[in-house]
Structure formats: C-alpha cells, structure tokens
PDB file of N, CA and C in Angstrom:
ATOM      1  N   MET A   1     -46.016 128.379  85.268  1.00  0.00           N
ATOM      2  CA  MET A   1     -45.383 128.749  84.402  1.00  0.00           C
ATOM      3  C   MET A   1     -43.868 129.391  85.322  1.00  0.00           C
ATOM      4  N   THR A   2     -44.265 129.488  86.418  1.00  0.00           N
ATOM      5  CA  THR A   2     -43.110 129.869  87.122  1.00  0.00           C
ATOM      6  C   THR A   2     -42.254 128.728  87.627  1.00  0.00           C
ATOM      7  N   ILE A   3     -42.722 127.497  87.879  1.00  0.00           N
ATOM      8  CA  ILE A   3     -42.355 126.230  88.576  1.00  0.00           C
ATOM      9  C   ILE A   3     -41.444 125.831  87.552  1.00  0.00           C
ATOM     10  N   ALA A   4     -41.919 125.681  86.221  1.00  0.00           N
ATOM     11  CA  ALA A   4     -41.313 125.043  84.999  1.00  0.00           C
ATOM     12  C   ALA A   4     -40.223 125.996  84.687  1.00  0.00           C
ATOM     13  N   HIS A   5     -40.453 127.260  84.692  1.00  0.00           N
ATOM     14  CA  HIS A   5     -39.201 128.141  84.302  1.00  0.00           C
ATOM     15  C   HIS A   5     -38.022 127.788  85.732  1.00  0.00           C
ATOM     16  N   ARG A   6     -38.328 127.695  86.705  1.00  0.00           N
ATOM     17  CA  ARG A   6     -37.129 127.754  87.862  1.00  0.00           C
ATOM     18  C   ARG A   6     -36.738 126.044  87.754  1.00  0.00           C
ATOM     19  N   LYS A   7     -37.561 125.232  87.303  1.00  0.00           N
ATOM     20  CA  LYS A   7     -36.960 123.874  87.207  1.00  0.00           C
ATOM     21  C   LYS A   7     -35.855 123.985  85.804  1.00  0.00           C
ATOM     22  N   SER A   8     -36.041 124.556  84.839  1.00  0.00           N
ATOM     23  CA  SER A   8     -35.363 124.684  83.768  1.00  0.00           C
ATOM     24  C   SER A   8     -34.242 125.173  83.965  1.00  0.00           C
ATOM     25  N   ILE A   9     -33.946 126.087  85.055  1.00  0.00           N
ATOM     26  CA  ILE A   9     -32.633 127.006  85.438  1.00  0.00           C
ATOM     27  C   ILE A   9     -32.004 125.900  86.301  1.00  0.00           C
ATOM     28  N   ASP A  10     -32.622 125.232  87.280  1.00  0.00           N
ATOM     29  CA  ASP A  10     -32.116 124.328  87.850  1.00  0.00           C
ATOM     30  C   ASP A  10     -31.292 123.076  87.274  1.00  0.00           C
ATOM     31  N   ARG A  11     -31.991 122.605  86.012  1.00  0.00           N
ATOM     32  CA  ARG A  11     -31.332 121.675  85.364  1.00  0.00           C
ATOM     33  C   ARG A  11     -30.100 122.401  84.661  1.00  0.00           C
ATOM     34  N   ILE A  12     -30.051 123.751  84.175  1.00  0.00           N
ATOM     35  CA  ILE A  12     -29.099 124.185  83.649  1.00  0.00           C
ATOM     36  C   ILE A  12     -27.759 124.318  84.441  1.00  0.00           C
ATOM     37  N   ARG A  13     -28.104 125.081  85.563  1.00  0.00           N
ATOM     38  CA  ARG A  13     -26.963 125.128  86.358  1.00  0.00           C
ATOM     39  C   ARG A  13     -26.613 123.740  86.998  1.00  0.00           C
ATOM     40  N   ALA A  14     -27.469 122.824  87.261  1.00  0.00           N
ATOM     41  CA  ALA A  14     -26.724 121.496  87.443  1.00  0.00           C
ATOM     42  C   ALA A  14     -25.899 120.781  86.661  1.00  0.00           C
ATOM     43  N   SER A  15     -26.078 120.841  85.314  1.00  0.00           N
ATOM     44  CA  SER A  15     -25.361 120.402  84.128  1.00  0.00           C
ATOM     45  C   SER A  15     -24.074 121.129  84.142  1.00  0.00           C
ATOM     46  N   THR A  16     -24.054 122.264  84.487  1.00  0.00           N
ATOM     47  CA  THR A  16     -22.619 123.097  84.570  1.00  0.00           C
ATOM     48  C   THR A  16     -21.595 122.596  85.754  1.00  0.00           C
ATOM     49  N   ARG A  17     -22.427 122.155  86.835  1.00  0.00           N
ATOM     50  CA  ARG A  17     -21.609 121.984  88.043  1.00  0.00           C
ATOM     51  C   ARG A  17     -21.161 120.575  87.996  1.00  0.00           C
ATOM     52  N   ALA A  18     -21.561 119.710  87.213  1.00  0.00           N
ATOM     53  CA  ALA A  18     -21.081 118.336  87.055  1.00  0.00           C
ATOM     54  C   ALA A  18     -19.838 118.244  87.094  1.00  0.00           C
ATOM     55  N   PRO A  19     -19.205 117.248  87.685  1.00  0.00           N
ATOM     56  CA  PRO A  19     -17.583 116.851  87.464  1.00  0.00           C
ATOM     57  C   PRO A  19     -17.459 116.580  85.980  1.00  0.00           C
ATOM     58  N   ILE A  20     -16.304 116.961  85.357  1.00  0.00           N
ATOM     59  CA  ILE A  20     -15.794 116.126  84.122  1.00  0.00           C
ATOM     60  C   ILE A  20     -14.947 115.201  84.354  1.00  0.00           C
ATOM     61  N   PRO A  21     -15.350 113.930  84.093  1.00  0.00           N
ATOM     62  CA  PRO A  21     -14.016 112.843  84.108  1.00  0.00           C
ATOM     63  C   PRO A  21     -13.003 113.136  83.238  1.00  0.00           C
ATOM     64  N   THR A  22     -12.081 112.490  83.689  1.00  0.00           N
ATOM     65  CA  THR A  22     -10.629 112.558  82.780  1.00  0.00           C
ATOM     66  C   THR A  22     -10.010 111.307  82.957  1.00  0.00           C
ATOM     67  N   ASP A  23      -9.241 110.912  81.911  1.00  0.00           N
ATOM     68  CA  ASP A  23      -8.431 109.650  81.970  1.00  0.00           C
ATOM     69  C   ASP A  23      -7.058 109.662  82.591  1.00  0.00           C
ATOM     70  N   VAL A  24      -6.480 110.838  82.469  1.00  0.00           N
ATOM     71  CA  VAL A  24      -5.100 111.260  82.749  1.00  0.00           C
ATOM     72  C   VAL A  24      -5.291 112.059  83.936  1.00  0.00           C
ATOM     73  N   LEU A  25      -4.508 111.807  84.887  1.00  0.00           N
ATOM     74  CA  LEU A  25      -4.136 112.411  85.781  1.00  0.00           C
ATOM     75  C   LEU A  25      -2.672 112.934  86.157  1.00  0.00           C
ATOM     76  N   SER A  26      -2.583 114.138  86.676  1.00  0.00           N
ATOM     77  CA  SER A  26      -0.997 114.561  86.678  1.00  0.00           C
ATOM     78  C   SER A  26      -0.485 113.936  87.635  1.00  0.00           C
ATOM     79  N   THR A  27       0.610 113.311  87.439  1.00  0.00           N
ATOM     80  CA  THR A  27       1.533 112.727  88.529  1.00  0.00           C
ATOM     81  C   THR A  27       2.529 113.950  89.040  1.00  0.00           C
ATOM     82  N   GLN A  28       2.653 114.985  88.542  1.00  0.00           N
ATOM     83  CA  GLN A  28       3.613 115.962  89.131  1.00  0.00           C
ATOM     84  C   GLN A  28       3.090 116.594  90.423  1.00  0.00           C
ATOM     85  N   ALA A  29       3.786 116.428  91.610  1.00  0.00           N
ATOM     86  CA  ALA A  29       3.384 116.935  92.754  1.00  0.00           C
ATOM     87  C   ALA A  29       3.295 118.447  92.485  1.00  0.00           C
ATOM     88  N   ALA A  30       2.739 119.164  93.878  1.00  0.00           N
ATOM     89  CA  ALA A  30       2.685 120.548  93.916  1.00  0.00           C
ATOM     90  C   ALA A  30       4.170 121.051  94.558  1.00  0.00           C
ATOM     91  N   PRO A  31       4.461 122.197  94.292  1.00  0.00           N
ATOM     92  CA  PRO A  31       5.719 122.632  94.725  1.00  0.00           C
ATOM     93  C   PRO A  31       5.341 122.986  96.086  1.00  0.00           C
ATOM     94  N   GLU A  32       6.448 122.546  96.833  1.00  0.00           N
ATOM     95  CA  GLU A  32       6.398 122.799  98.210  1.00  0.00           C
ATOM     96  C   GLU A  32       6.775 124.222  98.406  1.00  0.00           C
ATOM     97  N   GLY A  33       6.541 124.937  99.708  1.00  0.00           N
ATOM     98  CA  GLY A  33       7.207 126.107 100.009  1.00  0.00           C
ATOM     99  C   GLY A  33       6.107 127.265  99.707  1.00  0.00           C
ATOM    100  N   ASP A  34       6.185 128.645  98.955  1.00  0.00           N
ATOM    101  CA  ASP A  34       5.438 129.290  98.799  1.00  0.00           C
ATOM    102  C   ASP A  34       4.558 129.120  97.362  1.00  0.00           C
ATOM    103  N   PRO A  35       3.135 129.796  97.372  1.00  0.00           N
ATOM    104  CA  PRO A  35       2.423 129.465  96.339  1.00  0.00           C
ATOM    105  C   PRO A  35       2.956 130.179  95.071  1.00  0.00           C
ATOM    106  N   PRO A  36       2.594 129.740  94.038  1.00  0.00           N
ATOM    107  CA  PRO A  36       3.278 130.255  92.820  1.00  0.00           C
ATOM    108  C   PRO A  36       3.189 131.821  92.784  1.00  0.00           C
ATOM    109  N   GLN A  37       4.256 132.266  92.113  1.00  0.00           N
ATOM    110  CA  GLN A  37       4.326 133.842  92.152  1.00  0.00           C
ATOM    111  C   GLN A  37       3.384 134.409  91.150  1.00  0.00           C
ATOM    112  N   THR A  38       2.187 134.291  91.077  1.00  0.00           N
ATOM    113  CA  THR A  38       1.560 134.829  90.067  1.00  0.00           C
ATOM    114  C   THR A  38       1.155 136.176  90.268  1.00  0.00           C
ATOM    115  N   ASP A  39       1.018 136.465  91.665  1.00  0.00           N
ATOM    116  CA  ASP A  39       0.661 137.992  92.042  1.00  0.00           C
ATOM    117  C   ASP A  39       1.516 138.188  93.297  1.00  0.00           C
ATOM    118  N   GLY A  40       2.743 138.454  93.034  1.00  0.00           N
ATOM    119  CA  GLY A  40       3.797 138.680  94.320  1.00  0.00           C
ATOM    120  C   GLY A  40       3.168 139.882  95.392  1.00  0.00           C
ATOM    121  N   THR A  41       2.299 140.860  94.929  1.00  0.00           N
ATOM    122  CA  THR A  41       1.933 141.725  95.701  1.00  0.00           C
ATOM    123  C   THR A  41       0.873 141.196  96.769  1.00  0.00           C
ATOM    124  N   LEU A  42       0.224 140.206  96.074  1.00  0.00           N
ATOM    125  CA  LEU A  42      -1.034 139.826  96.957  1.00  0.00           C
ATOM    126  C   LEU A  42      -0.162 138.804  98.024  1.00  0.00           C
ATOM    127  N   TRP A  43       0.863 137.992  97.495  1.00  0.00           N
ATOM    128  CA  TRP A  43       1.272 137.170  98.498  1.00  0.00           C
ATOM    129  C   TRP A  43       2.152 137.778  99.930  1.00  0.00           C
ATOM    130  N   ALA A  44       2.612 139.364  99.148  1.00  0.00           N
ATOM    131  CA  ALA A  44       3.186 139.907 100.403  1.00  0.00           C
ATOM    132  C   ALA A  44       2.376 140.507 101.314  1.00  0.00           C
ATOM    133  N   ALA A  45       1.414 140.936 100.751  1.00  0.00           N
ATOM    134  CA  ALA A  45       0.331 141.468 101.563  1.00  0.00           C
ATOM    135  C   ALA A  45      -0.182 140.309 102.535  1.00  0.00           C
ATOM    136  N   VAL A  46      -0.206 139.146 102.228  1.00  0.00           N
ATOM    137  CA  VAL A  46      -0.710 137.992 102.885  1.00  0.00           C
ATOM    138  C   VAL A  46       0.315 137.933 103.901  1.00  0.00           C
ATOM    139  N   ARG A  47       1.736 137.720 103.624  1.00  0.00           N
ATOM    140  CA  ARG A  47       2.695 137.630 104.497  1.00  0.00           C
ATOM    141  C   ARG A  47       2.736 138.790 105.530  1.00  0.00           C
ATOM    142  N   ALA A  48       2.465 139.950 105.314  1.00  0.00           N
ATOM    143  CA  ALA A  48       2.480 141.031 106.177  1.00  0.00           C
ATOM    144  C   ALA A  48       1.414 141.217 107.338  1.00  0.00           C
ATOM    145  N   LEU A  49       0.306 140.427 107.294  1.00  0.00           N
ATOM    146  CA  LEU A  49      -0.913 140.222 108.174  1.00  0.00           C
ATOM    147  C   LEU A  49      -0.279 139.686 109.457  1.00  0.00           C
ATOM    148  N   PRO A  50      -0.889 139.891 110.704  1.00  0.00           N
ATOM    149  CA  PRO A  50      -0.520 139.288 111.875  1.00  0.00           C
ATOM    150  C   PRO A  50      -0.859 137.817 111.715  1.00  0.00           C
ATOM    151  N   PRO A  51      -0.169 137.144 112.475  1.00  0.00           N
ATOM    152  CA  PRO A  51       0.014 135.582 112.532  1.00  0.00           C
ATOM    153  C   PRO A  51      -1.603 135.122 112.595  1.00  0.00           C
ATOM    154  N   LYS A  52      -2.354 135.558 113.399  1.00  0.00           N
ATOM    155  CA  LYS A  52      -3.776 134.781 113.361  1.00  0.00           C
ATOM    156  C   LYS A  52      -4.582 135.278 112.412  1.00  0.00           C
ATOM    157  N   GLN A  53      -4.418 136.587 111.938  1.00  0.00           N
ATOM    158  CA  GLN A  53      -5.371 136.784 110.527  1.00  0.00           C
ATOM    159  C   GLN A  53      -4.872 136.129 109.638  1.00  0.00           C
ATOM    160  N   ARG A  54      -3.377 135.855 109.269  1.00  0.00           N
ATOM    161  CA  ARG A  54      -3.033 135.487 108.206  1.00  0.00           C
ATOM    162  C   ARG A  54      -3.487 133.781 108.229  1.00  0.00           C
ATOM    163  N   SER A  55      -3.409 133.085 109.253  1.00  0.00           N
ATOM    164  CA  SER A  55      -3.815 131.801 109.461  1.00  0.00           C
ATOM    165  C   SER A  55      -5.372 131.550 109.283  1.00  0.00           C
ATOM    166  N   ALA A  56      -6.044 132.476 110.089  1.00  0.00           N
ATOM    167  CA  ALA A  56      -7.451 132.399 109.747  1.00  0.00           C
ATOM    168  C   ALA A  56      -7.982 132.749 108.375  1.00  0.00           C
ATOM    169  N   VAL A  57      -7.421 133.576 107.691  1.00  0.00           N
ATOM    170  CA  VAL A  57      -7.664 133.817 106.144  1.00  0.00           C
ATOM    171  C   VAL A  57      -6.930 132.363 105.275  1.00  0.00           C
ATOM    172  N   ALA A  58      -6.244 131.986 105.835  1.00  0.00           N
ATOM    173  CA  ALA A  58      -5.536 130.738 104.795  1.00  0.00           C
ATOM    174  C   ALA A  58      -6.406 129.334 104.775  1.00  0.00           C
ATOM    175  N   TYR A  59      -6.778 129.143 106.106  1.00  0.00           N
ATOM    176  CA  TYR A  59      -7.579 128.068 106.792  1.00  0.00           C
ATOM    177  C   TYR A  59      -8.971 128.346 105.988  1.00  0.00           C
ATOM    178  N   HIS A  60      -9.256 129.592 106.344  1.00  0.00           N
ATOM    179  CA  HIS A  60     -11.003 129.299 105.862  1.00  0.00           C
ATOM    180  C   HIS A  60     -11.046 129.745 104.330  1.00  0.00           C
ATOM    181  N   HIS A  61     -10.343 130.765 104.187  1.00  0.00           N
ATOM    182  CA  HIS A  61     -10.503 131.483 102.530  1.00  0.00           C
ATOM    183  C   HIS A  61      -9.902 130.230 101.593  1.00  0.00           C
ATOM    184  N   LEU A  62      -8.798 129.885 101.905  1.00  0.00           N
ATOM    185  CA  LEU A  62      -8.049 129.260 100.826  1.00  0.00           C
ATOM    186  C   LEU A  62      -8.007 127.789 100.778  1.00  0.00           C
ATOM    187  N   ALA A  63      -8.381 127.187 102.266  1.00  0.00           N
ATOM    188  CA  ALA A  63      -8.360 125.777 102.343  1.00  0.00           C
ATOM    189  C   ALA A  63      -9.809 125.246 102.532  1.00  0.00           C
ATOM    190  N   GLY A  64     -10.736 126.474 102.690  1.00  0.00           N
ATOM    191  CA  GLY A  64     -12.242 125.935 102.994  1.00  0.00           C
ATOM    192  C   GLY A  64     -12.766 125.515 104.277  1.00  0.00           C
ATOM    193  N   LEU A  65     -12.027 125.519 105.102  1.00  0.00           N
ATOM    194  CA  LEU A  65     -12.593 124.852 106.680  1.00  0.00           C
ATOM    195  C   LEU A  65     -13.497 125.995 107.057  1.00  0.00           C
ATOM    196  N   PRO A  66     -14.395 125.379 107.697  1.00  0.00           N
ATOM    197  CA  PRO A  66     -15.229 126.157 108.430  1.00  0.00           C
ATOM    198  C   PRO A  66     -14.803 126.736 109.632  1.00  0.00           C
ATOM    199  N   TYR A  67     -15.397 127.932 110.228  1.00  0.00           N
ATOM    200  CA  TYR A  67     -14.848 128.528 111.135  1.00  0.00           C
ATOM    201  C   TYR A  67     -14.562 128.043 112.473  1.00  0.00           C
ATOM    202  N   ALA A  68     -15.336 126.768 112.900  1.00  0.00           N
ATOM    203  CA  ALA A  68     -15.309 125.795 114.017  1.00  0.00           C
ATOM    204  C   ALA A  68     -14.059 125.111 114.076  1.00  0.00           C
ATOM    205  N   GLU A  69     -13.625 124.557 112.860  1.00  0.00           N
ATOM    206  CA  GLU A  69     -12.438 124.136 112.699  1.00  0.00           C
ATOM    207  C   GLU A  69     -11.221 124.742 112.679  1.00  0.00           C
ATOM    208  N   VAL A  70     -11.181 126.030 111.853  1.00  0.00           N
ATOM    209  CA  VAL A  70     -10.259 127.026 112.228  1.00  0.00           C
ATOM    210  C   VAL A  70      -9.983 127.262 113.632  1.00  0.00           C
ATOM    211  N   ALA A  71     -10.954 127.620 114.238  1.00  0.00           N
ATOM    212  CA  ALA A  71     -10.986 128.000 116.020  1.00  0.00           C
ATOM    213  C   ALA A  71     -10.214 126.991 116.669  1.00  0.00           C
ATOM    214  N   GLU A  72     -10.405 125.754 116.262  1.00  0.00           N
ATOM    215  CA  GLU A  72      -9.957 124.609 117.156  1.00  0.00           C
ATOM    216  C   GLU A  72      -8.309 124.763 116.670  1.00  0.00           C
ATOM    217  N   LEU A  73      -7.926 124.873 115.209  1.00  0.00           N
ATOM    218  CA  LEU A  73      -6.584 125.185 114.714  1.00  0.00           C
ATOM    219  C   LEU A  73      -5.554 126.358 115.718  1.00  0.00           C
ATOM    220  N   LEU A  74      -6.738 127.391 115.788  1.00  0.00           N
ATOM    221  CA  LEU A  74      -5.859 128.667 116.381  1.00  0.00           C
ATOM    222  C   LEU A  74      -6.064 128.730 117.784  1.00  0.00           C
ATOM    223  N   GLY A  75      -6.750 127.757 118.434  1.00  0.00           N
ATOM    224  CA  GLY A  75      -6.843 127.567 119.769  1.00  0.00           C
ATOM    225  C   GLY A  75      -8.019 128.933 120.277  1.00  0.00           C
ATOM    226  N   THR A  76      -8.801 129.447 119.493  1.00  0.00           N
ATOM    227  CA  THR A  76      -9.682 130.416 120.151  1.00  0.00           C
ATOM    228  C   THR A  76     -11.294 129.937 119.764  1.00  0.00           C
ATOM    229  N   SER A  77     -11.985 130.843 119.794  1.00  0.00           N
ATOM    230  CA  SER A  77     -13.424 130.573 119.654  1.00  0.00           C
ATOM    231  C   SER A  77     -13.846 130.628 118.269  1.00  0.00           C
ATOM    232  N   PRO A  78     -14.975 129.953 117.802  1.00  0.00           N
ATOM    233  CA  PRO A  78     -15.321 130.314 116.369  1.00  0.00           C
ATOM    234  C   PRO A  78     -15.513 131.985 116.101  1.00  0.00           C
ATOM    235  N   ALA A  79     -16.198 132.614 116.850  1.00  0.00           N
ATOM    236  CA  ALA A  79     -16.416 133.810 116.807  1.00  0.00           C
ATOM    237  C   ALA A  79     -15.021 134.767 116.563  1.00  0.00           C
ATOM    238  N   ALA A  80     -14.124 134.463 117.174  1.00  0.00           N
ATOM    239  CA  ALA A  80     -12.802 135.136 117.321  1.00  0.00           C
ATOM    240  C   ALA A  80     -12.150 134.390 116.012  1.00  0.00           C
ATOM    241  N   ALA A  81     -12.442 133.323 115.393  1.00  0.00           N
ATOM    242  CA  ALA A  81     -11.660 133.000 114.249  1.00  0.00           C
ATOM    243  C   ALA A  81     -12.320 133.694 113.056  1.00  0.00           C
ATOM    244  N   ARG A  82     -13.643 133.735 112.980  1.00  0.00           N
ATOM    245  CA  ARG A  82     -14.339 134.296 112.185  1.00  0.00           C
ATOM    246  C   ARG A  82     -13.957 136.019 112.301  1.00  0.00           C
ATOM    247  N   ARG A  83     -13.737 136.630 113.330  1.00  0.00           N
ATOM    248  CA  ARG A  83     -13.312 138.083 113.389  1.00  0.00           C
ATOM    249  C   ARG A  83     -11.746 138.059 112.757  1.00  0.00           C
ATOM    250  N   SER A  84     -10.898 137.308 113.084  1.00  0.00           N
ATOM    251  CA  SER A  84      -9.453 137.335 112.790  1.00  0.00           C
ATOM    252  C   SER A  84      -9.785 137.195 111.124  1.00  0.00           C
ATOM    253  N   ALA A  85     -10.398 136.387 110.783  1.00  0.00           N
ATOM    254  CA  ALA A  85     -10.480 136.163 109.202  1.00  0.00           C
ATOM    255  C   ALA A  85     -10.968 137.494 108.320  1.00  0.00           C
ATOM    256  N   ALA A  86     -12.312 137.993 109.024  1.00  0.00           N
ATOM    257  CA  ALA A  86     -12.840 139.482 108.426  1.00  0.00           C
ATOM    258  C   ALA A  86     -11.484 140.410 108.726  1.00  0.00           C
ATOM    259  N   ASP A  87     -11.214 140.711 109.807  1.00  0.00           N
ATOM    260  CA  ASP A  87     -10.070 141.561 110.010  1.00  0.00           C
ATOM    261  C   ASP A  87      -8.954 141.268 108.845  1.00  0.00           C
ATOM    262  N   GLY A  88      -8.541 140.150 108.820  1.00  0.00           N
ATOM    263  CA  GLY A  88      -7.521 139.780 107.717  1.00  0.00           C
ATOM    264  C   GLY A  88      -7.841 140.449 106.233  1.00  0.00           C
ATOM    265  N   ILE A  89      -9.132 139.868 106.082  1.00  0.00           N
ATOM    266  CA  ILE A  89      -9.734 140.275 104.530  1.00  0.00           C
ATOM    267  C   ILE A  89      -9.730 141.676 104.344  1.00  0.00           C
ATOM    268  N   ALA A  90     -10.104 142.515 105.512  1.00  0.00           N
ATOM    269  CA  ALA A  90     -10.204 143.912 105.406  1.00  0.00           C
ATOM    270  C   ALA A  90      -8.936 144.630 104.985  1.00  0.00           C
ATOM    271  N   ALA A  91      -8.014 144.045 105.734  1.00  0.00           N
ATOM    272  CA  ALA A  91      -6.513 144.430 105.727  1.00  0.00           C
ATOM    273  C   ALA A  91      -6.037 144.142 104.427  1.00  0.00           C
ATOM    274  N   LEU A  92      -6.346 143.037 103.793  1.00  0.00           N
ATOM    275  CA  LEU A  92      -5.839 142.860 102.290  1.00  0.00           C
ATOM    276  C   LEU A  92      -6.797 143.916 101.379  1.00  0.00           C
ATOM    277  N   ARG A  93      -7.932 144.182 101.444  1.00  0.00           N
ATOM    278  CA  ARG A  93      -8.920 145.080 100.725  1.00  0.00           C
ATOM    279  C   ARG A  93      -8.146 146.400 100.676  1.00  0.00           C
ATOM    280  N   SER A  94      -7.859 146.722 102.184  1.00  0.00           N
ATOM    281  CA  SER A  94      -7.363 148.223 102.171  1.00  0.00           C
ATOM    282  C   SER A  94      -5.748 148.222 101.336  1.00  0.00           C
ATOM    283  N   THR A  95      -5.411 147.567 101.578  1.00  0.00           N
ATOM    284  CA  THR A  95      -3.927 147.294 100.670  1.00  0.00           C
ATOM    285  C   THR A  95      -4.216 147.470  99.515  1.00  0.00           C
ATOM    286  N   TYR A  96      -5.018 146.639  98.856  1.00  0.00           N
ATOM    287  CA  TYR A  96      -5.095 146.904  97.424  1.00  0.00           C
ATOM    288  C   TYR A  96      -5.661 148.132  96.810  1.00  0.00           C
ATOM    289  N   SER A  97      -6.770 148.555  97.758  1.00  0.00           N
ATOM    290  CA  SER A  97      -7.253 149.962  97.336  1.00  0.00           C
ATOM    291  C   SER A  97      -6.392 151.221  97.296  1.00  0.00           C
ATOM    292  N   GLN A  98      -5.398 150.899  98.484  1.00  0.00           N
ATOM    293  CA  GLN A  98      -4.519 152.009  98.351  1.00  0.00           C
ATOM    294  C   GLN A  98      -3.319 152.069  97.156  1.00  0.00           C
ATOM    295  N   GLU A  99      -3.256 150.470  96.760  1.00  0.00           N
ATOM    296  CA  GLU A  99      -2.337 150.492  95.450  1.00  0.00           C
ATOM    297  C   GLU A  99      -3.052 150.861  94.296  1.00  0.00           C
ATOM    298  N   ASP A 100      -4.421 150.836  94.119  1.00  0.00           N
ATOM    299  CA  ASP A 100      -5.132 151.511  92.971  1.00  0.00           C
ATOM    300  C   ASP A 100      -5.122 152.877  92.910  1.00  0.00           C
ATOM    301  N   ASP A 101      -4.885 153.326  94.176  1.00  0.00           N
ATOM    302  CA  ASP A 101      -5.276 155.051  94.021  1.00  0.00           C
ATOM    303  C   ASP A 101      -3.966 155.709  93.473  1.00  0.00           C
TER     304      ASP A 101
END
C-alpha cells in the first residue's frame, strides 16, 4: 500500500512540474539597470551589503549558480563564497526583522 501511495504522489508532483508550452513569446527585452522597484526596501538592503556578500547573494540566490562557480567569479574558495552568501542573507534577515519590530 505504501508503494502505491508514494507512486501516486510522484505522479501528481511530476504533473505540476511539467513545463507549459506557449505559442507566443515576449519580444520585449528586460529593462537594464536595477531590478523592478517592487520592494524598494529589499533592494536598498541588498545595495547596503558589502560587495562580496552582495555578489555572493546575487550569484547564488538570484542567478542560481553553485558555490564553486560563485567562488571562481569572486576569486575565493567555495567555502568563502558559501560564507559570504550566508552572511549576506543573515544581514538581510536582520534588516527585515528590525523593520518589522
């Protein structure tokens, strides 16, 4: 019974992850410069991070690069890139927790 249950869950999850084809693609290019100003406080907090932390957060969390590639871009070790990204996220979390108080 457990195998059948898990197989059914797998099928449901797989169907929700399948890409949806589209006939029309947008020809409009993304705007250059800063990202859209949907949350100005977030981007201000990101800009306030030290350069290595800001870059590590952007490369790993926004661009989705693995830490090994982030390390190559930053000229550091993967462990240092991971630490920079973690410190940057921690700083952003503390900024937002202070704003909520």
